Amino acid sequence: MWKNFKLKVEPLTPETFAPFGQVIERFEERKPQVRKGGYTQNAYTVTAALPKDADPQKVSLIGGWQRAHFAFHTDAGQSFYPSRHQPAVFLVGPVKPTLEAGDVRAFYSDGRLGVCLALEVWHTMPICIEGEEVFQTMRGDQDYKAHSVEVDFDLEQGLAIDLDEASLEGCRGWGRRRLGFRMKIKKERMAEYKLEHSRVWPDMLDALRRNGWHNYSLFMGADGTVYGYFESPHDFKTAMARMGKEEVSSRWGQAMKGMAEPPDPAHPDQFIVELEDVFYLQ
C-alpha cells in the first residue's frame, strides 16, 4: 500500500494560480495555448467516492481525494471546468522536466471556477470534493503518448498525493458572506409555493450554483413569511443582480408571479428585504 503525501489546499484565485495558467468562469472563456495541431474536447465524470471497481494496487484517477498519476503535454495546454459546479480541487506542478511530490500545489474551487493550464504544466484529473462532477476539458489533438510526459507516484515511489483536510475546510468557507432576506407569500398561494420549490428546475439550480449561491435555504412560517439564507462571495445586491441577468431566472420569476406580497406595508414596492447580519457561531 502507498504512503500519503499530504498537500495544503489553498483558494483558487487568478493571483495564486498565475504561475500555472488562468482561472476561468466559463468553459468557453479561454482555449489552451497550442504549440502543434488543434484541439480536442471531452468530458470526464469524477466522483468524491472511490469507484466500486477501483484497483486496490493503484490510486484512482477518477474517484476519491487522492491522485498519483501526473502528466504534462508538449503540444498544448489543457483546460478543466466543473460543469455541475461541485466543489473541486485542482492539482498542478510547475514547468520542469520532472515532478516531485513536494512540487505539487492544490487549489480549491467552490464550483464556480475552472482552470486553463499553460503549456507543459504538470497536472492530473481534478478532485471532486462532494458527490459527482463532470469536468469539461479541452487539450491538444495530437497523439497523447507521443506528446505527454508522465509520472506515477504510486507505482514508482509508493506515494499517493492526498489533501490536508484542515486547510481544505478552511478554503471551503473562504471569501463567503452569510446573507439573509425576508419575503411574504400570500396565504392562498403557500401550498403552491412549497410545491414549486420541491421541484425546482435543474437549469435554475445550475444558475444558482454558477453564481455562487451556497447552502441556499428557505424557511416558511405559518403566516407565509419566508426567511432565506445563503452564502456568497458577493454582497446581497450583487448576488441578486447576477441572478437577475440569468435567462432562467426571468422564467422562474414569471412562474412565481403573483405569489408574493410586500412583507412591509410601508414599502409596497419591495418584495424581498435584506436582513442584517447580527451574529453567527463560528
Protein backbone atom coordinates (compact mmCIF):
# COMPACT_ATOMS: atom_id res chain seq x y z
CA MET A 1 0.00 0.00 0.00
CA TRP A 2 1.18 3.55 -0.68
CA LYS A 3 2.09 6.30 1.77
CA ASN A 4 0.04 9.50 1.84
CA PHE A 5 1.78 12.75 0.94
CA LYS A 6 -0.44 15.49 2.40
CA LEU A 7 -0.88 18.74 0.44
CA LYS A 8 -2.01 22.03 1.91
CA VAL A 9 -5.05 23.30 -0.04
CA GLU A 10 -5.23 26.99 -0.99
CA PRO A 11 -8.02 29.07 -2.55
CA LEU A 12 -8.11 29.25 -6.34
CA THR A 13 -7.66 32.87 -7.39
CA PRO A 14 -6.19 34.45 -10.54
CA GLU A 15 -3.23 35.69 -8.50
CA THR A 16 -2.34 32.41 -6.76
CA PHE A 17 -2.82 30.35 -9.91
CA ALA A 18 -0.91 32.73 -12.24
CA PRO A 19 2.29 30.59 -12.36
CA PHE A 20 0.29 27.73 -13.85
CA GLY A 21 -2.22 29.41 -16.17
CA GLN A 22 -5.53 31.25 -15.98
CA VAL A 23 -8.67 30.91 -13.88
CA ILE A 24 -11.86 30.68 -15.97
CA GLU A 25 -15.51 31.33 -15.09
CA ARG A 26 -16.90 29.58 -18.19
CA PHE A 27 -15.59 26.68 -20.23
CA GLU A 28 -15.76 28.74 -23.41
CA GLU A 29 -13.91 31.68 -21.88
CA ARG A 30 -10.41 30.64 -22.94
CA LYS A 31 -8.76 27.97 -25.08
CA PRO A 32 -5.40 26.49 -24.06
CA GLN A 33 -2.28 27.59 -25.90
CA VAL A 34 -1.40 25.28 -28.81
CA ARG A 35 2.12 24.57 -30.00
CA LYS A 36 1.22 21.92 -32.57
CA GLY A 37 -2.06 20.81 -34.16
CA GLY A 38 -5.55 21.75 -32.99
CA TYR A 39 -7.94 20.96 -30.16
CA THR A 40 -9.93 18.02 -28.88
CA GLN A 41 -12.76 18.34 -26.37
CA ASN A 42 -14.06 15.78 -23.89
CA ALA A 43 -15.87 15.36 -20.58
CA TYR A 44 -14.94 13.12 -17.65
CA THR A 45 -17.12 12.03 -14.74
CA VAL A 46 -15.28 12.18 -11.41
CA THR A 47 -16.66 11.18 -8.00
CA ALA A 48 -15.78 12.07 -4.42
CA ALA A 49 -16.19 8.40 -3.50
CA LEU A 50 -13.93 5.68 -4.85
CA PRO A 51 -15.45 3.63 -7.69
CA LYS A 52 -16.57 0.15 -6.66
CA ASP A 53 -14.16 -1.37 -9.20
CA ALA A 54 -11.15 0.74 -8.11
CA ASP A 55 -7.83 -1.11 -8.39
CA PRO A 56 -6.51 -1.65 -4.83
CA GLN A 57 -2.96 -1.62 -6.21
CA LYS A 58 -3.26 1.73 -7.98
CA VAL A 59 -4.54 5.18 -6.96
CA SER A 60 -7.78 6.04 -8.77
CA LEU A 61 -7.72 8.80 -11.38
CA ILE A 62 -11.49 9.42 -11.31
CA GLY A 63 -12.56 8.89 -7.70
CA GLY A 64 -11.61 9.72 -4.14
CA TRP A 65 -9.41 12.51 -2.80
CA GLN A 66 -6.04 11.02 -3.79
CA ARG A 67 -4.07 11.20 -7.03
CA ALA A 68 -0.78 9.66 -8.17
CA HIS A 69 -0.67 9.91 -11.97
CA PHE A 70 0.52 13.30 -13.28
CA ALA A 71 1.42 14.44 -16.79
CA PHE A 72 2.19 17.46 -18.92
CA HIS A 73 1.71 17.89 -22.67
CA THR A 74 4.19 19.30 -25.16
CA ASP A 75 1.67 20.00 -27.94
CA ALA A 76 -0.85 22.16 -26.00
CA GLY A 77 -2.10 23.21 -22.59
CA GLN A 78 -5.33 21.87 -21.13
CA SER A 79 -8.44 23.33 -19.52
CA PHE A 80 -10.77 21.82 -16.91
CA TYR A 81 -14.17 23.20 -15.95
CA PRO A 82 -16.65 21.77 -13.36
CA SER A 83 -19.90 21.77 -15.36
CA ARG A 84 -22.07 20.78 -12.37
CA HIS A 85 -20.40 23.39 -10.14
CA GLN A 86 -19.47 20.98 -7.38
CA PRO A 87 -16.54 21.91 -5.10
CA ALA A 88 -13.28 20.75 -6.66
CA VAL A 89 -9.52 20.76 -6.11
CA PHE A 90 -7.04 21.20 -8.98
CA LEU A 91 -3.58 19.67 -8.50
CA VAL A 92 -0.77 21.18 -10.58
CA GLY A 93 3.02 21.34 -10.71
CA PRO A 94 5.47 23.84 -12.24
CA VAL A 95 7.04 23.63 -15.68
CA LYS A 96 10.10 21.41 -15.21
CA PRO A 97 11.36 18.13 -16.71
CA THR A 98 10.48 16.01 -13.68
CA LEU A 99 7.94 16.32 -10.87
CA GLU A 100 8.47 15.65 -7.18
CA ALA A 101 5.62 15.30 -4.71
CA GLY A 102 6.77 18.46 -2.94
CA ASP A 103 6.35 20.45 -6.17
CA VAL A 104 2.58 19.83 -6.35
CA ARG A 105 0.13 22.53 -5.28
CA ALA A 106 -3.59 22.12 -4.59
CA PHE A 107 -6.15 24.82 -5.43
CA TYR A 108 -9.75 24.79 -4.18
CA SER A 109 -12.68 25.97 -6.31
CA ASP A 110 -16.19 26.25 -4.88
CA GLY A 111 -17.54 25.07 -8.23
CA ARG A 112 -17.76 28.44 -10.00
CA LEU A 113 -14.22 28.43 -11.37
CA GLY A 114 -12.16 26.20 -13.61
CA VAL A 115 -8.60 26.42 -14.91
CA CYS A 116 -6.83 26.80 -18.25
CA LEU A 117 -3.33 25.36 -17.88
CA ALA A 118 -0.28 26.78 -19.59
CA LEU A 119 1.92 24.62 -21.80
CA GLU A 120 3.92 21.90 -20.00
CA VAL A 121 2.28 22.46 -16.60
CA TRP A 122 2.08 19.20 -14.68
CA HIS A 123 -1.49 18.19 -13.74
CA THR A 124 -3.85 15.33 -13.02
CA MET A 125 -7.59 14.76 -13.09
CA PRO A 126 -9.24 17.29 -10.73
CA ILE A 127 -10.65 16.03 -7.46
CA CYS A 128 -14.40 16.22 -6.81
CA ILE A 129 -14.97 17.08 -3.14
CA GLU A 130 -18.69 16.27 -2.94
CA GLY A 131 -20.90 13.89 -4.91
CA GLU A 132 -20.20 13.65 -8.62
CA GLU A 133 -18.81 16.12 -11.12
CA VAL A 134 -18.44 16.21 -14.90
CA PHE A 135 -15.30 18.08 -15.89
CA GLN A 136 -15.33 19.55 -19.36
CA THR A 137 -11.84 19.56 -20.80
CA MET A 138 -10.01 20.82 -23.87
CA ARG A 139 -6.46 19.90 -24.89
CA GLY A 140 -4.36 19.28 -27.99
CA ASP A 141 -5.48 16.79 -30.62
CA GLN A 142 -2.09 15.17 -31.17
CA ASP A 143 -1.27 11.62 -30.08
CA TYR A 144 -1.39 11.64 -26.27
CA LYS A 145 1.53 9.29 -25.65
CA ALA A 146 3.78 10.98 -28.20
CA HIS A 147 3.23 14.44 -26.68
CA SER A 148 2.99 13.71 -22.95
CA VAL A 149 5.48 13.22 -20.13
CA GLU A 150 4.11 11.20 -17.22
CA VAL A 151 4.88 10.21 -13.64
CA ASP A 152 3.12 7.65 -11.43
CA PHE A 153 3.91 8.29 -7.77
CA ASP A 154 2.07 5.15 -6.65
CA LEU A 155 3.90 2.73 -8.95
CA GLU A 156 7.27 4.47 -8.89
CA GLN A 157 7.56 5.75 -5.30
CA GLY A 158 4.72 4.11 -3.38
CA LEU A 159 3.10 7.52 -2.78
CA ALA A 160 -0.42 8.89 -3.01
CA ILE A 161 -0.86 12.66 -3.20
CA ASP A 162 -3.55 13.45 -0.61
CA LEU A 163 -5.33 16.58 0.67
CA ASP A 164 -4.74 18.19 4.05
CA GLU A 165 -8.29 18.25 5.43
CA ALA A 166 -7.77 21.16 7.83
CA SER A 167 -6.65 23.51 5.05
CA LEU A 168 -9.40 22.19 2.77
CA GLU A 169 -12.02 23.00 5.39
CA GLY A 170 -10.59 26.49 5.73
CA CYS A 171 -10.88 27.03 1.97
CA ARG A 172 -14.49 25.91 1.84
CA GLY A 173 -15.69 28.97 3.70
CA TRP A 174 -13.06 31.32 2.28
CA GLY A 175 -14.36 34.61 0.94
CA ARG A 176 -18.05 33.86 1.59
CA ARG A 177 -20.52 36.25 3.18
CA ARG A 178 -23.56 34.99 5.09
CA LEU A 179 -26.65 36.64 3.67
CA GLY A 180 -30.32 36.59 4.67
CA PHE A 181 -33.59 38.01 3.40
CA ARG A 182 -37.30 38.06 4.18
CA MET A 183 -40.33 37.87 1.93
CA LYS A 184 -44.05 37.13 2.32
CA ILE A 185 -46.14 34.61 0.38
CA LYS A 186 -49.89 35.04 0.13
CA LYS A 187 -51.68 32.50 2.34
CA GLU A 188 -53.75 31.17 -0.52
CA ARG A 189 -50.53 30.53 -2.55
CA MET A 190 -48.42 28.93 0.20
CA ALA A 191 -49.13 25.34 -0.83
CA GLU A 192 -48.32 26.15 -4.45
CA TYR A 193 -45.10 27.92 -3.43
CA LYS A 194 -43.93 24.89 -1.44
CA LEU A 195 -44.85 22.53 -4.28
CA GLU A 196 -42.85 24.51 -6.84
CA HIS A 197 -39.83 24.57 -4.54
CA SER A 198 -39.96 20.80 -4.22
CA ARG A 199 -39.23 20.54 -7.95
CA VAL A 200 -37.01 23.50 -8.83
CA TRP A 201 -35.84 23.33 -12.45
CA PRO A 202 -32.34 21.86 -12.97
CA ASP A 203 -31.22 24.88 -15.01
CA MET A 204 -32.32 27.19 -12.18
CA LEU A 205 -30.30 25.16 -9.68
CA ASP A 206 -27.35 25.32 -12.06
CA ALA A 207 -27.63 29.11 -12.34
CA LEU A 208 -27.69 29.50 -8.55
CA ARG A 209 -24.57 27.36 -8.15
CA ARG A 210 -22.81 29.10 -11.04
CA ASN A 211 -23.42 32.49 -9.42
CA GLY A 212 -22.10 31.43 -6.02
CA TRP A 213 -25.30 30.80 -4.01
CA HIS A 214 -24.02 28.26 -1.48
CA ASN A 215 -26.12 26.50 1.19
CA TYR A 216 -29.19 28.33 -0.08
CA SER A 217 -32.10 27.59 2.26
CA LEU A 218 -35.69 28.80 2.62
CA PHE A 219 -37.82 28.61 5.77
CA MET A 220 -41.53 29.42 5.87
CA GLY A 221 -43.68 30.48 8.83
CA ALA A 222 -47.37 29.70 9.31
CA ASP A 223 -48.32 33.18 8.09
CA GLY A 224 -46.40 32.80 4.82
CA THR A 225 -43.30 34.73 5.89
CA VAL A 226 -40.26 33.24 4.20
CA TYR A 227 -36.73 33.62 5.56
CA GLY A 228 -33.94 32.93 3.11
CA TYR A 229 -30.28 32.23 3.83
CA PHE A 230 -27.29 31.69 1.54
CA GLU A 231 -23.53 32.16 1.46
CA SER A 232 -21.93 34.08 -1.38
CA PRO A 233 -18.62 35.65 -2.42
CA HIS A 234 -20.71 38.74 -3.31
CA ASP A 235 -22.75 41.21 -1.30
CA PHE A 236 -26.54 40.85 -1.36
CA LYS A 237 -27.15 43.45 -4.07
CA THR A 238 -24.52 41.96 -6.37
CA ALA A 239 -25.72 38.39 -5.78
CA MET A 240 -29.28 39.40 -6.69
CA ALA A 241 -28.12 41.36 -9.74
CA ARG A 242 -26.06 38.43 -11.06
CA MET A 243 -29.05 36.10 -10.80
CA GLY A 244 -31.25 38.77 -12.41
CA LYS A 245 -29.13 38.52 -15.56
CA GLU A 246 -29.82 34.80 -15.94
CA GLU A 247 -32.47 33.95 -18.54
CA VAL A 248 -33.79 31.10 -16.42
CA SER A 249 -34.25 33.49 -13.50
CA SER A 250 -36.67 35.55 -15.58
CA ARG A 251 -38.65 32.43 -16.45
CA TRP A 252 -38.71 31.39 -12.78
CA GLY A 253 -39.94 34.85 -11.83
CA GLN A 254 -42.83 34.52 -14.27
CA ALA A 255 -43.73 31.13 -12.78
CA MET A 256 -43.72 32.64 -9.26
CA LYS A 257 -45.55 35.82 -10.32
CA GLY A 258 -48.39 36.83 -8.01
CA MET A 259 -47.38 34.55 -5.11
CA ALA A 260 -45.62 37.20 -3.01
CA GLU A 261 -46.85 40.31 -1.29
CA PRO A 262 -44.74 43.10 0.24
CA PRO A 263 -43.56 41.96 3.73
CA ASP A 264 -43.57 45.58 4.92
CA PRO A 265 -46.67 47.70 4.12
CA ALA A 266 -44.52 50.82 4.38
CA HIS A 267 -42.60 49.66 1.28
CA PRO A 268 -45.20 48.21 -1.11
CA ASP A 269 -42.68 48.04 -3.96
CA GLN A 270 -40.21 45.78 -2.09
CA PHE A 271 -40.96 42.06 -2.22
CA ILE A 272 -37.58 40.94 -0.87
CA VAL A 273 -35.98 42.64 2.13
CA GLU A 274 -32.33 42.05 3.04
CA LEU A 275 -31.73 41.14 6.70
CA GLU A 276 -28.87 42.48 8.79
CA ASP A 277 -26.15 40.01 9.80
CA VAL A 278 -26.12 40.30 13.62
CA PHE A 279 -24.43 37.15 14.97
CA TYR A 280 -23.20 33.73 13.98
CA LEU A 281 -21.40 30.95 15.83
CA GLN A 282 -18.00 30.06 14.41
